[in-house]
N, C-alpha and C. Protein backbone atom coordinates (compact mmCIF):
# COMPACT_ATOMS: atom_id res chain seq x y z
N UNK A 1 19.06 4.31 -9.64
CA UNK A 1 17.78 5.04 -9.43
C UNK A 1 17.36 4.79 -7.96
N UNK A 2 16.79 5.85 -7.40
CA UNK A 2 16.35 5.73 -6.00
C UNK A 2 15.07 4.90 -5.93
N UNK A 3 14.91 4.21 -4.73
CA UNK A 3 13.79 3.33 -4.59
C UNK A 3 12.50 4.07 -4.21
N UNK A 4 11.37 3.47 -4.45
CA UNK A 4 10.03 4.02 -4.05
C UNK A 4 9.54 3.10 -2.98
N UNK A 5 9.04 3.71 -1.91
CA UNK A 5 8.36 2.98 -0.86
C UNK A 5 6.86 2.98 -1.17
N UNK A 6 6.23 1.79 -1.09
CA UNK A 6 4.77 1.69 -1.28
C UNK A 6 4.20 1.28 0.02
N UNK A 7 3.25 2.06 0.49
CA UNK A 7 2.47 1.80 1.66
C UNK A 7 1.06 1.34 1.22
N UNK A 8 0.76 0.11 1.30
CA UNK A 8 -0.55 -0.44 0.94
C UNK A 8 -1.45 -0.49 2.19
N UNK A 9 -2.55 0.11 2.16
CA UNK A 9 -3.41 0.28 3.36
C UNK A 9 -4.81 -0.13 3.00
N UNK A 10 -5.54 -0.49 4.07
CA UNK A 10 -6.97 -0.87 3.87
C UNK A 10 -7.82 0.44 4.14
N UNK A 11 -8.48 0.92 3.00
CA UNK A 11 -9.27 2.24 3.16
C UNK A 11 -10.52 1.88 3.99
N UNK A 12 -11.04 0.68 3.98
CA UNK A 12 -12.23 0.37 4.84
C UNK A 12 -11.99 0.40 6.26
N UNK A 13 -10.71 0.17 6.67
CA UNK A 13 -10.30 0.22 8.06
C UNK A 13 -9.99 1.60 8.54
N UNK A 14 -9.96 2.56 7.60
CA UNK A 14 -9.64 3.98 7.92
C UNK A 14 -8.23 4.20 8.20
N UNK A 15 -7.34 3.54 7.45
CA UNK A 15 -5.86 3.65 7.71
C UNK A 15 -5.21 4.64 6.80
N UNK A 16 -5.86 5.45 5.96
CA UNK A 16 -5.28 6.32 5.09
C UNK A 16 -4.47 7.38 5.87
N UNK A 17 -5.00 7.92 7.00
CA UNK A 17 -4.24 8.96 7.69
C UNK A 17 -2.93 8.32 8.31
N UNK A 18 -2.97 7.15 8.79
CA UNK A 18 -1.82 6.48 9.31
C UNK A 18 -0.77 6.40 8.18
N UNK A 19 -1.27 5.94 7.00
CA UNK A 19 -0.32 5.76 5.84
C UNK A 19 0.26 7.08 5.46
N UNK A 20 -0.58 8.11 5.43
CA UNK A 20 -0.13 9.46 4.98
C UNK A 20 0.85 10.02 6.00
N UNK A 21 0.70 9.79 7.23
CA UNK A 21 1.68 10.19 8.33
C UNK A 21 2.94 9.51 8.12
N UNK A 22 2.89 8.22 7.92
CA UNK A 22 4.14 7.49 7.71
C UNK A 22 4.95 7.91 6.45
N UNK A 23 4.14 8.18 5.42
CA UNK A 23 4.66 8.65 4.18
C UNK A 23 5.38 9.99 4.42
N UNK A 24 4.84 10.93 5.08
CA UNK A 24 5.36 12.20 5.42
C UNK A 24 6.68 12.03 6.17
N UNK A 25 6.69 11.22 7.15
CA UNK A 25 7.86 10.97 8.06
C UNK A 25 8.98 10.39 7.18
N UNK A 26 8.61 9.46 6.30
CA UNK A 26 9.72 8.86 5.48
C UNK A 26 10.22 9.77 4.47
N UNK A 27 9.40 10.64 3.87
CA UNK A 27 9.87 11.62 2.89
C UNK A 27 10.75 12.67 3.58
N UNK A 28 10.42 12.99 4.79
CA UNK A 28 11.22 13.95 5.55
C UNK A 28 12.60 13.41 5.92
N UNK A 29 12.59 12.22 6.47
CA UNK A 29 13.86 11.53 6.92
C UNK A 29 14.75 11.10 5.76
N UNK A 30 14.16 10.67 4.64
CA UNK A 30 14.92 10.09 3.56
C UNK A 30 14.73 10.89 2.22
N UNK A 31 14.75 12.19 2.37
CA UNK A 31 14.59 13.13 1.26
C UNK A 31 15.61 12.84 0.17
N UNK A 32 16.82 12.50 0.48
CA UNK A 32 17.89 12.26 -0.54
C UNK A 32 17.99 10.83 -1.00
N UNK A 33 17.28 9.96 -0.23
CA UNK A 33 17.51 8.51 -0.55
C UNK A 33 16.36 7.91 -1.37
N UNK A 34 15.11 8.59 -1.28
CA UNK A 34 13.94 7.93 -1.90
C UNK A 34 13.50 8.70 -3.14
N UNK A 35 13.02 7.96 -4.10
CA UNK A 35 12.30 8.56 -5.23
C UNK A 35 10.94 9.14 -4.82
N UNK A 36 10.24 8.47 -3.85
CA UNK A 36 9.01 8.93 -3.40
C UNK A 36 8.32 7.81 -2.58
N UNK A 37 7.15 8.14 -2.12
CA UNK A 37 6.35 7.23 -1.35
C UNK A 37 4.92 7.10 -2.05
N UNK A 38 4.49 5.89 -2.34
CA UNK A 38 3.25 5.68 -2.98
C UNK A 38 2.22 5.20 -1.96
N UNK A 39 1.09 5.82 -1.86
CA UNK A 39 0.02 5.29 -0.97
C UNK A 39 -0.97 4.60 -1.89
N UNK A 40 -1.17 3.23 -1.63
CA UNK A 40 -1.89 2.36 -2.41
C UNK A 40 -3.04 1.77 -1.61
N UNK A 41 -4.26 2.23 -1.97
CA UNK A 41 -5.44 1.59 -1.25
C UNK A 41 -5.52 0.12 -1.66
N UNK A 42 -5.66 -0.73 -0.68
CA UNK A 42 -5.70 -2.20 -0.91
C UNK A 42 -7.10 -2.70 -1.18
N UNK A 43 -7.19 -3.71 -2.03
CA UNK A 43 -8.44 -4.35 -2.25
C UNK A 43 -8.63 -5.54 -1.28
N UNK A 44 -7.59 -5.79 -0.52
CA UNK A 44 -7.68 -6.82 0.55
C UNK A 44 -8.01 -6.21 1.87
N UNK A 45 -9.04 -6.64 2.52
CA UNK A 45 -9.46 -6.06 3.79
C UNK A 45 -8.46 -6.28 4.88
N UNK A 46 -8.08 -5.29 5.63
CA UNK A 46 -7.20 -5.41 6.70
C UNK A 46 -5.73 -5.37 6.37
N UNK A 47 -5.38 -5.18 5.17
CA UNK A 47 -3.98 -5.11 4.71
C UNK A 47 -3.28 -3.78 5.05
N UNK A 48 -2.10 -3.90 5.57
CA UNK A 48 -1.23 -2.78 5.75
C UNK A 48 0.24 -3.22 5.60
N UNK A 49 0.81 -2.99 4.50
CA UNK A 49 2.16 -3.40 4.18
C UNK A 49 3.04 -2.25 3.75
N UNK A 50 4.30 -2.34 3.99
CA UNK A 50 5.26 -1.38 3.45
C UNK A 50 6.29 -2.18 2.69
N UNK A 51 6.47 -1.75 1.46
CA UNK A 51 7.43 -2.35 0.56
C UNK A 51 8.44 -1.30 -0.03
N UNK A 52 9.66 -1.73 -0.22
CA UNK A 52 10.63 -0.88 -0.92
C UNK A 52 10.91 -1.61 -2.24
N UNK A 53 10.47 -0.99 -3.35
CA UNK A 53 10.49 -1.75 -4.57
C UNK A 53 9.61 -2.96 -4.44
N UNK A 54 10.22 -4.14 -4.64
CA UNK A 54 9.50 -5.40 -4.55
C UNK A 54 9.67 -6.03 -3.22
N UNK A 55 10.52 -5.48 -2.36
CA UNK A 55 10.87 -6.09 -1.03
C UNK A 55 9.92 -5.65 0.08
N UNK A 56 9.17 -6.59 0.62
CA UNK A 56 8.31 -6.29 1.74
C UNK A 56 9.12 -6.13 3.04
N UNK A 57 9.01 -4.95 3.68
CA UNK A 57 9.74 -4.74 4.93
C UNK A 57 8.80 -4.76 6.14
N UNK A 58 7.49 -4.65 5.96
CA UNK A 58 6.55 -4.71 7.02
C UNK A 58 5.17 -5.24 6.60
N UNK A 59 4.60 -6.06 7.42
CA UNK A 59 3.26 -6.53 7.18
C UNK A 59 2.53 -6.58 8.52
N UNK A 60 1.45 -5.83 8.63
CA UNK A 60 0.77 -5.70 9.87
C UNK A 60 0.27 -7.03 10.36
N UNK A 61 -0.20 -7.86 9.56
CA UNK A 61 -0.77 -9.19 9.85
C UNK A 61 0.33 -10.12 10.38
N UNK A 62 1.45 -10.07 9.71
CA UNK A 62 2.64 -10.95 10.22
C UNK A 62 3.23 -10.45 11.53
N UNK A 63 3.23 -9.09 11.76
CA UNK A 63 3.80 -8.50 12.96
C UNK A 63 2.82 -8.43 14.09
N UNK A 64 1.53 -8.64 13.83
CA UNK A 64 0.53 -8.58 14.89
C UNK A 64 0.19 -7.18 15.35
N UNK A 65 0.36 -6.18 14.46
CA UNK A 65 -0.02 -4.82 14.85
C UNK A 65 0.84 -3.81 14.10
N UNK A 66 0.64 -2.57 14.47
CA UNK A 66 1.35 -1.49 13.83
C UNK A 66 2.67 -1.11 14.55
N UNK A 67 3.66 -0.78 13.79
CA UNK A 67 4.96 -0.40 14.39
C UNK A 67 4.90 1.08 14.84
N UNK A 68 5.85 1.48 15.68
CA UNK A 68 6.10 2.89 15.99
C UNK A 68 6.76 3.40 14.73
N UNK A 69 6.69 4.74 14.52
CA UNK A 69 7.25 5.40 13.39
C UNK A 69 8.82 5.15 13.34
N UNK A 70 9.42 5.19 14.53
CA UNK A 70 10.93 4.95 14.59
C UNK A 70 11.30 3.56 14.01
N UNK A 71 10.35 2.58 14.26
CA UNK A 71 10.67 1.27 13.78
C UNK A 71 10.55 1.23 12.27
N UNK A 72 9.61 1.88 11.73
CA UNK A 72 9.41 2.05 10.29
C UNK A 72 10.68 2.64 9.68
N UNK A 73 11.14 3.77 10.25
CA UNK A 73 12.30 4.42 9.80
C UNK A 73 13.53 3.52 9.78
N UNK A 74 13.67 2.66 10.83
CA UNK A 74 14.77 1.77 10.95
C UNK A 74 14.71 0.78 9.83
N UNK A 75 13.55 0.20 9.60
CA UNK A 75 13.32 -0.82 8.54
C UNK A 75 13.71 -0.23 7.16
N UNK A 76 13.25 0.97 6.91
CA UNK A 76 13.49 1.55 5.64
C UNK A 76 15.00 1.94 5.51
N UNK A 77 15.55 2.49 6.57
CA UNK A 77 17.01 2.86 6.60
C UNK A 77 17.85 1.69 6.29
N UNK A 78 17.57 0.55 6.90
CA UNK A 78 18.38 -0.65 6.73
C UNK A 78 18.43 -1.10 5.33
N UNK A 79 17.49 -0.69 4.49
CA UNK A 79 17.46 -1.11 3.01
C UNK A 79 18.03 -0.01 2.18
N UNK A 80 17.61 1.20 2.43
CA UNK A 80 17.95 2.31 1.50
C UNK A 80 19.22 3.08 1.83
N UNK A 81 19.60 3.11 3.11
CA UNK A 81 20.76 3.88 3.48
C UNK A 81 21.40 3.28 4.84
N UNK A 82 21.88 2.00 4.81
CA UNK A 82 22.32 1.40 6.02
C UNK A 82 23.27 2.19 6.90
N UNK A 83 24.08 3.11 6.35
CA UNK A 83 25.00 3.84 7.19
C UNK A 83 24.40 5.11 7.81
N UNK A 84 23.13 5.43 7.45
CA UNK A 84 22.55 6.71 7.89
C UNK A 84 22.13 6.61 9.37
N UNK A 85 22.49 7.62 10.10
CA UNK A 85 22.12 7.79 11.52
C UNK A 85 20.70 8.36 11.55
N UNK A 86 19.85 7.86 12.45
CA UNK A 86 18.52 8.35 12.62
C UNK A 86 18.45 9.20 13.91
N UNK A 87 19.60 9.51 14.51
CA UNK A 87 19.60 10.29 15.71
C UNK A 87 18.88 9.61 16.85
N UNK A 88 17.97 10.35 17.48
CA UNK A 88 17.35 9.82 18.69
C UNK A 88 16.34 8.66 18.34
N UNK A 89 15.97 8.53 17.05
CA UNK A 89 15.08 7.37 16.72
C UNK A 89 15.85 6.15 16.37
N UNK A 90 17.16 6.20 16.52
CA UNK A 90 17.95 4.98 16.17
C UNK A 90 17.89 3.98 17.27
N UNK A 91 18.21 2.70 16.89
CA UNK A 91 18.25 1.63 17.82
C UNK A 91 19.34 1.91 18.92
N UNK A 92 19.02 1.45 20.12
CA UNK A 92 20.01 1.49 21.15
C UNK A 92 21.01 0.39 20.96
N UNK A 93 22.32 0.70 21.16
CA UNK A 93 23.40 -0.25 21.00
C UNK A 93 23.34 -1.26 22.11
N UNK A 94 23.34 -2.52 21.78
CA UNK A 94 23.32 -3.61 22.79
C UNK A 94 24.73 -3.89 23.27
N UNK A 95 24.89 -4.05 24.61
CA UNK A 95 26.23 -4.43 25.14
C UNK A 95 26.47 -5.90 25.00
């Protein structure tokens, strides 16, 4: 079964549009790899986390801010489709 990504966001902070944008990007990039993306309003003020199933891959408080969308795609790709190329949004190869 394909995994579901859950984006839990603080509605009081006005982060619904950010969560919806990230959901759209993930659904577009991982159309064949994801069951779907769930947007979950948080009851905890200031929360913004991204989980794949039960695995947390991003936490705004732990990371000290929001990631670029390419970073989110890399985090999700590393779990759901490690061999998938993200094209120009992929990491640069270190020498």
